[in-house]
Amino acid sequence: METIFEAKGYNDEKSFKVASLKLTKYASSWFDNIKKMREREHKKQIRTQSKVRSLMGRRFPPDSYM
């Protein structure tokens, strides 16, 4: 997806919007829960792809991670 975002010239905020629409199944439920949790804790809304990437990296490490 990063290649597509770069080719289309999307900024971090627009990349976030597109990527969040593409989440499916467990990842979509997980992200909805993250948004609700942040709202309850009075934290800022997530608005950038880099922030989502950071959160997802902690929850969904790559298969090669040891």
PDB file of N, CA and C in Angstrom:
ATOM      1  N   MET A   1       0.814  -1.183   0.000  1.00  0.00           N
ATOM      2  CA  MET A   1       0.000   0.000   0.000  1.00  0.00           C
ATOM      3  C   MET A   1       0.864   1.255   0.000  1.00  0.00           C
ATOM      4  N   GLU A   2       2.006   1.175   0.661  1.00  0.00           N
ATOM      5  CA  GLU A   2       2.873   2.352   0.733  1.00  0.00           C
ATOM      6  C   GLU A   2       3.252   2.825  -0.669  1.00  0.00           C
ATOM      7  N   THR A   3       3.512   1.884  -1.562  1.00  0.00           N
ATOM      8  CA  THR A   3       3.888   2.229  -2.931  1.00  0.00           C
ATOM      9  C   THR A   3       2.758   2.957  -3.637  1.00  0.00           C
ATOM     10  N   ILE A   4       1.539   2.482  -3.424  1.00  0.00           N
ATOM     11  CA  ILE A   4       0.363   3.121  -4.038  1.00  0.00           C
ATOM     12  C   ILE A   4       0.183   4.530  -3.497  1.00  0.00           C
ATOM     13  N   PHE A   5       0.290   4.680  -2.183  1.00  0.00           N
ATOM     14  CA  PHE A   5       0.132   6.003  -1.573  1.00  0.00           C
ATOM     15  C   PHE A   5       1.172   6.980  -2.114  1.00  0.00           C
ATOM     16  N   GLU A   6       2.386   6.484  -2.252  1.00  0.00           N
ATOM     17  CA  GLU A   6       3.468   7.330  -2.760  1.00  0.00           C
ATOM     18  C   GLU A   6       3.222   7.709  -4.219  1.00  0.00           C
ATOM     19  N   ALA A   7       2.792   6.744  -5.025  1.00  0.00           N
ATOM     20  CA  ALA A   7       2.544   7.003  -6.443  1.00  0.00           C
ATOM     21  C   ALA A   7       1.405   7.996  -6.639  1.00  0.00           C
ATOM     22  N   LYS A   8       0.398   7.920  -5.791  1.00  0.00           N
ATOM     23  CA  LYS A   8      -0.738   8.829  -5.906  1.00  0.00           C
ATOM     24  C   LYS A   8      -0.504  10.163  -5.208  1.00  0.00           C
ATOM     25  N   GLY A   9       0.601  10.260  -4.487  1.00  0.00           N
ATOM     26  CA  GLY A   9       0.927  11.514  -3.822  1.00  0.00           C
ATOM     27  C   GLY A   9       0.097  11.792  -2.585  1.00  0.00           C
ATOM     28  N   TYR A  10      -0.389  10.743  -1.936  1.00  0.00           N
ATOM     29  CA  TYR A  10      -1.197  10.926  -0.725  1.00  0.00           C
ATOM     30  C   TYR A  10      -0.307  11.366   0.433  1.00  0.00           C
ATOM     31  N   ASN A  11      -0.818  12.311   1.211  1.00  0.00           N
ATOM     32  CA  ASN A  11      -0.103  12.679   2.428  1.00  0.00           C
ATOM     33  C   ASN A  11      -0.449  11.663   3.517  1.00  0.00           C
ATOM     34  N   ASP A  12       0.148  11.812   4.679  1.00  0.00           N
ATOM     35  CA  ASP A  12      -0.029  10.846   5.768  1.00  0.00           C
ATOM     36  C   ASP A  12      -1.487  10.753   6.214  1.00  0.00           C
ATOM     37  N   GLU A  13      -2.173  11.876   6.240  1.00  0.00           N
ATOM     38  CA  GLU A  13      -3.570  11.890   6.690  1.00  0.00           C
ATOM     39  C   GLU A  13      -4.490  11.182   5.687  1.00  0.00           C
ATOM     40  N   LYS A  14      -4.290  11.440   4.408  1.00  0.00           N
ATOM     41  CA  LYS A  14      -5.126  10.784   3.395  1.00  0.00           C
ATOM     42  C   LYS A  14      -4.797   9.290   3.325  1.00  0.00           C
ATOM     43  N   SER A  15      -3.531   8.940   3.473  1.00  0.00           N
ATOM     44  CA  SER A  15      -3.141   7.534   3.489  1.00  0.00           C
ATOM     45  C   SER A  15      -3.852   6.806   4.619  1.00  0.00           C
ATOM     46  N   PHE A  16      -3.937   7.465   5.770  1.00  0.00           N
ATOM     47  CA  PHE A  16      -4.624   6.889   6.928  1.00  0.00           C
ATOM     48  C   PHE A  16      -6.086   6.596   6.597  1.00  0.00           C
ATOM     49  N   LYS A  17      -6.760   7.532   5.985  1.00  0.00           N
ATOM     50  CA  LYS A  17      -8.182   7.348   5.673  1.00  0.00           C
ATOM     51  C   LYS A  17      -8.392   6.165   4.732  1.00  0.00           C
ATOM     52  N   VAL A  18      -7.573   6.080   3.710  1.00  0.00           N
ATOM     53  CA  VAL A  18      -7.698   4.985   2.740  1.00  0.00           C
ATOM     54  C   VAL A  18      -7.372   3.651   3.405  1.00  0.00           C
ATOM     55  N   ALA A  19      -6.290   3.599   4.152  1.00  0.00           N
ATOM     56  CA  ALA A  19      -5.866   2.347   4.791  1.00  0.00           C
ATOM     57  C   ALA A  19      -6.890   1.870   5.811  1.00  0.00           C
ATOM     58  N   SER A  20      -7.477   2.792   6.576  1.00  0.00           N
ATOM     59  CA  SER A  20      -8.449   2.377   7.591  1.00  0.00           C
ATOM     60  C   SER A  20      -9.701   1.782   6.944  1.00  0.00           C
ATOM     61  N   LEU A  21     -10.033   2.220   5.737  1.00  0.00           N
ATOM     62  CA  LEU A  21     -11.170   1.639   5.024  1.00  0.00           C
ATOM     63  C   LEU A  21     -10.880   0.227   4.529  1.00  0.00           C
ATOM     64  N   LYS A  22      -9.608  -0.076   4.338  1.00  0.00           N
ATOM     65  CA  LYS A  22      -9.202  -1.386   3.809  1.00  0.00           C
ATOM     66  C   LYS A  22      -9.038  -2.460   4.887  1.00  0.00           C
ATOM     67  N   LEU A  23      -9.118  -2.085   6.154  1.00  0.00           N
ATOM     68  CA  LEU A  23      -8.982  -3.085   7.219  1.00  0.00           C
ATOM     69  C   LEU A  23     -10.167  -4.044   7.182  1.00  0.00           C
ATOM     70  N   THR A  24      -9.892  -5.321   7.429  1.00  0.00           N
ATOM     71  CA  THR A  24     -10.956  -6.323   7.411  1.00  0.00           C
ATOM     72  C   THR A  24     -10.888  -7.188   8.658  1.00  0.00           C
ATOM     73  N   LYS A  25     -11.949  -7.872   8.915  1.00  0.00           N
ATOM     74  CA  LYS A  25     -12.080  -8.861   9.981  1.00  0.00           C
ATOM     75  C   LYS A  25     -11.488  -8.393  11.303  1.00  0.00           C
ATOM     76  N   TYR A  26     -10.523  -9.151  11.839  1.00  0.00           N
ATOM     77  CA  TYR A  26      -9.994  -8.864  13.163  1.00  0.00           C
ATOM     78  C   TYR A  26      -9.329  -7.492  13.238  1.00  0.00           C
ATOM     79  N   ALA A  27      -8.601  -7.123  12.192  1.00  0.00           N
ATOM     80  CA  ALA A  27      -7.903  -5.830  12.201  1.00  0.00           C
ATOM     81  C   ALA A  27      -8.902  -4.681  12.277  1.00  0.00           C
ATOM     82  N   SER A  28     -10.027  -4.804  11.603  1.00  0.00           N
ATOM     83  CA  SER A  28     -11.057  -3.773  11.652  1.00  0.00           C
ATOM     84  C   SER A  28     -11.664  -3.673  13.049  1.00  0.00           C
ATOM     85  N   SER A  29     -11.969  -4.805  13.657  1.00  0.00           N
ATOM     86  CA  SER A  29     -12.499  -4.813  15.028  1.00  0.00           C
ATOM     87  C   SER A  29     -11.484  -4.248  16.006  1.00  0.00           C
ATOM     88  N   TRP A  30     -10.230  -4.644  15.837  1.00  0.00           N
ATOM     89  CA  TRP A  30      -9.168  -4.149  16.701  1.00  0.00           C
ATOM     90  C   TRP A  30      -9.074  -2.625  16.614  1.00  0.00           C
ATOM     91  N   PHE A  31      -9.101  -2.096  15.391  1.00  0.00           N
ATOM     92  CA  PHE A  31      -8.973  -0.650  15.208  1.00  0.00           C
ATOM     93  C   PHE A  31     -10.177   0.085  15.802  1.00  0.00           C
ATOM     94  N   ASP A  32     -11.370  -0.452  15.637  1.00  0.00           N
ATOM     95  CA  ASP A  32     -12.560   0.160  16.255  1.00  0.00           C
ATOM     96  C   ASP A  32     -12.407   0.212  17.772  1.00  0.00           C
ATOM     97  N   ASN A  33     -11.902  -0.862  18.361  1.00  0.00           N
ATOM     98  CA  ASN A  33     -11.686  -0.888  19.812  1.00  0.00           C
ATOM     99  C   ASN A  33     -10.627   0.123  20.247  1.00  0.00           C
ATOM    100  N   ILE A  34      -9.576   0.269  19.456  1.00  0.00           N
ATOM    101  CA  ILE A  34      -8.536   1.256  19.761  1.00  0.00           C
ATOM    102  C   ILE A  34      -9.141   2.665  19.764  1.00  0.00           C
ATOM    103  N   LYS A  35      -9.960   2.958  18.757  1.00  0.00           N
ATOM    104  CA  LYS A  35     -10.580   4.289  18.688  1.00  0.00           C
ATOM    105  C   LYS A  35     -11.467   4.546  19.898  1.00  0.00           C
ATOM    106  N   LYS A  36     -12.270   3.554  20.289  1.00  0.00           N
ATOM    107  CA  LYS A  36     -13.155   3.704  21.447  1.00  0.00           C
ATOM    108  C   LYS A  36     -12.348   3.867  22.737  1.00  0.00           C
ATOM    109  N   MET A  37     -11.294   3.081  22.887  1.00  0.00           N
ATOM    110  CA  MET A  37     -10.459   3.160  24.077  1.00  0.00           C
ATOM    111  C   MET A  37      -9.814   4.541  24.196  1.00  0.00           C
ATOM    112  N   ARG A  38      -9.303   5.061  23.087  1.00  0.00           N
ATOM    113  CA  ARG A  38      -8.685   6.387  23.106  1.00  0.00           C
ATOM    114  C   ARG A  38      -9.705   7.467  23.455  1.00  0.00           C
ATOM    115  N   GLU A  39     -10.927   7.298  22.979  1.00  0.00           N
ATOM    116  CA  GLU A  39     -11.985   8.257  23.297  1.00  0.00           C
ATOM    117  C   GLU A  39     -12.296   8.232  24.796  1.00  0.00           C
ATOM    118  N   ARG A  40     -12.401   7.031  25.362  1.00  0.00           N
ATOM    119  CA  ARG A  40     -12.671   6.904  26.803  1.00  0.00           C
ATOM    120  C   ARG A  40     -11.555   7.516  27.645  1.00  0.00           C
ATOM    121  N   GLU A  41     -10.325   7.390  27.170  1.00  0.00           N
ATOM    122  CA  GLU A  41      -9.171   7.905  27.901  1.00  0.00           C
ATOM    123  C   GLU A  41      -8.876   9.370  27.572  1.00  0.00           C
ATOM    124  N   HIS A  42      -9.742   9.990  26.777  1.00  0.00           N
ATOM    125  CA  HIS A  42      -9.622  11.398  26.379  1.00  0.00           C
ATOM    126  C   HIS A  42      -8.302  11.693  25.672  1.00  0.00           C
ATOM    127  N   LYS A  43      -7.876  10.743  24.845  1.00  0.00           N
ATOM    128  CA  LYS A  43      -6.676  10.934  24.035  1.00  0.00           C
ATOM    129  C   LYS A  43      -7.101  11.459  22.664  1.00  0.00           C
ATOM    130  N   LYS A  44      -6.148  12.042  21.944  1.00  0.00           N
ATOM    131  CA  LYS A  44      -6.430  12.547  20.604  1.00  0.00           C
ATOM    132  C   LYS A  44      -6.816  11.399  19.677  1.00  0.00           C
ATOM    133  N   GLN A  45      -7.657  11.726  18.693  1.00  0.00           N
ATOM    134  CA  GLN A  45      -8.005  10.743  17.676  1.00  0.00           C
ATOM    135  C   GLN A  45      -6.783  10.449  16.815  1.00  0.00           C
ATOM    136  N   ILE A  46      -6.729   9.248  16.314  1.00  0.00           N
ATOM    137  CA  ILE A  46      -5.657   8.880  15.397  1.00  0.00           C
ATOM    138  C   ILE A  46      -6.018   9.452  14.036  1.00  0.00           C
ATOM    139  N   ARG A  47      -5.095  10.172  13.443  1.00  0.00           N
ATOM    140  CA  ARG A  47      -5.371  10.824  12.160  1.00  0.00           C
ATOM    141  C   ARG A  47      -4.294  10.587  11.107  1.00  0.00           C
ATOM    142  N   THR A  48      -3.266   9.828  11.462  1.00  0.00           N
ATOM    143  CA  THR A  48      -2.179   9.634  10.498  1.00  0.00           C
ATOM    144  C   THR A  48      -1.836   8.160  10.331  1.00  0.00           C
ATOM    145  N   GLN A  49      -1.348   7.850   9.158  1.00  0.00           N
ATOM    146  CA  GLN A  49      -0.954   6.485   8.831  1.00  0.00           C
ATOM    147  C   GLN A  49       0.240   6.052   9.671  1.00  0.00           C
ATOM    148  N   SER A  50       1.147   6.961   9.958  1.00  0.00           N
ATOM    149  CA  SER A  50       2.331   6.598  10.742  1.00  0.00           C
ATOM    150  C   SER A  50       1.951   6.166  12.158  1.00  0.00           C
ATOM    151  N   LYS A  51       0.944   6.792  12.753  1.00  0.00           N
ATOM    152  CA  LYS A  51       0.490   6.405  14.097  1.00  0.00           C
ATOM    153  C   LYS A  51      -0.158   5.015  14.055  1.00  0.00           C
ATOM    154  N   VAL A  52      -0.979   4.759  13.053  1.00  0.00           N
ATOM    155  CA  VAL A  52      -1.624   3.437  12.921  1.00  0.00           C
ATOM    156  C   VAL A  52      -0.558   2.372  12.703  1.00  0.00           C
ATOM    157  N   ARG A  53       0.422   2.678  11.871  1.00  0.00           N
ATOM    158  CA  ARG A  53       1.495   1.725  11.601  1.00  0.00           C
ATOM    159  C   ARG A  53       2.233   1.380  12.893  1.00  0.00           C
ATOM    160  N   SER A  54       2.460   2.378  13.716  1.00  0.00           N
ATOM    161  CA  SER A  54       3.139   2.157  14.994  1.00  0.00           C
ATOM    162  C   SER A  54       2.314   1.246  15.908  1.00  0.00           C
ATOM    163  N   LEU A  55       1.022   1.532  16.033  1.00  0.00           N
ATOM    164  CA  LEU A  55       0.142   0.728  16.879  1.00  0.00           C
ATOM    165  C   LEU A  55      -0.002  -0.697  16.350  1.00  0.00           C
ATOM    166  N   MET A  56      -0.148  -0.817  15.039  1.00  0.00           N
ATOM    167  CA  MET A  56      -0.322  -2.146  14.441  1.00  0.00           C
ATOM    168  C   MET A  56       0.953  -2.969  14.552  1.00  0.00           C
ATOM    169  N   GLY A  57       2.093  -2.309  14.491  1.00  0.00           N
ATOM    170  CA  GLY A  57       3.370  -3.024  14.614  1.00  0.00           C
ATOM    171  C   GLY A  57       3.506  -3.695  15.967  1.00  0.00           C
ATOM    172  N   ARG A  58       2.940  -3.065  16.991  1.00  0.00           N
ATOM    173  CA  ARG A  58       2.981  -3.667  18.326  1.00  0.00           C
ATOM    174  C   ARG A  58       1.997  -4.828  18.436  1.00  0.00           C
ATOM    175  N   ARG A  59       0.832  -4.697  17.824  1.00  0.00           N
ATOM    176  CA  ARG A  59      -0.209  -5.720  17.934  1.00  0.00           C
ATOM    177  C   ARG A  59      -0.038  -6.857  16.936  1.00  0.00           C
ATOM    178  N   PHE A  60       0.432  -6.538  15.747  1.00  0.00           N
ATOM    179  CA  PHE A  60       0.569  -7.503  14.668  1.00  0.00           C
ATOM    180  C   PHE A  60       2.016  -7.529  14.162  1.00  0.00           C
ATOM    181  N   PRO A  61       2.936  -8.078  14.961  1.00  0.00           N
ATOM    182  CA  PRO A  61       4.346  -8.100  14.505  1.00  0.00           C
ATOM    183  C   PRO A  61       4.479  -9.000  13.270  1.00  0.00           C
ATOM    184  N   PRO A  62       5.473  -8.720  12.429  1.00  0.00           N
ATOM    185  CA  PRO A  62       5.672  -9.566  11.242  1.00  0.00           C
ATOM    186  C   PRO A  62       6.056 -10.991  11.643  1.00  0.00           C
ATOM    187  N   ASP A  63       5.787 -11.924  10.755  1.00  0.00           N
ATOM    188  CA  ASP A  63       6.090 -13.335  11.019  1.00  0.00           C
ATOM    189  C   ASP A  63       7.566 -13.561  11.309  1.00  0.00           C
ATOM    190  N   SER A  64       8.418 -12.718  10.741  1.00  0.00           N
ATOM    191  CA  SER A  64       9.853 -12.897  10.923  1.00  0.00           C
ATOM    192  C   SER A  64      10.349 -12.359  12.270  1.00  0.00           C
ATOM    193  N   TYR A  65       9.488 -11.711  13.045  1.00  0.00           N
ATOM    194  CA  TYR A  65       9.884 -11.124  14.327  1.00  0.00           C
ATOM    195  C   TYR A  65      10.134 -12.217  15.356  1.00  0.00           C
ATOM    196  N   MET A  66      11.214 -12.099  16.118  1.00  0.00           N
ATOM    197  CA  MET A  66      11.522 -13.091  17.155  1.00  0.00           C
ATOM    198  C   MET A  66      11.573 -12.433  18.498  1.00  0.00           C
TER     199      MET A  66
END
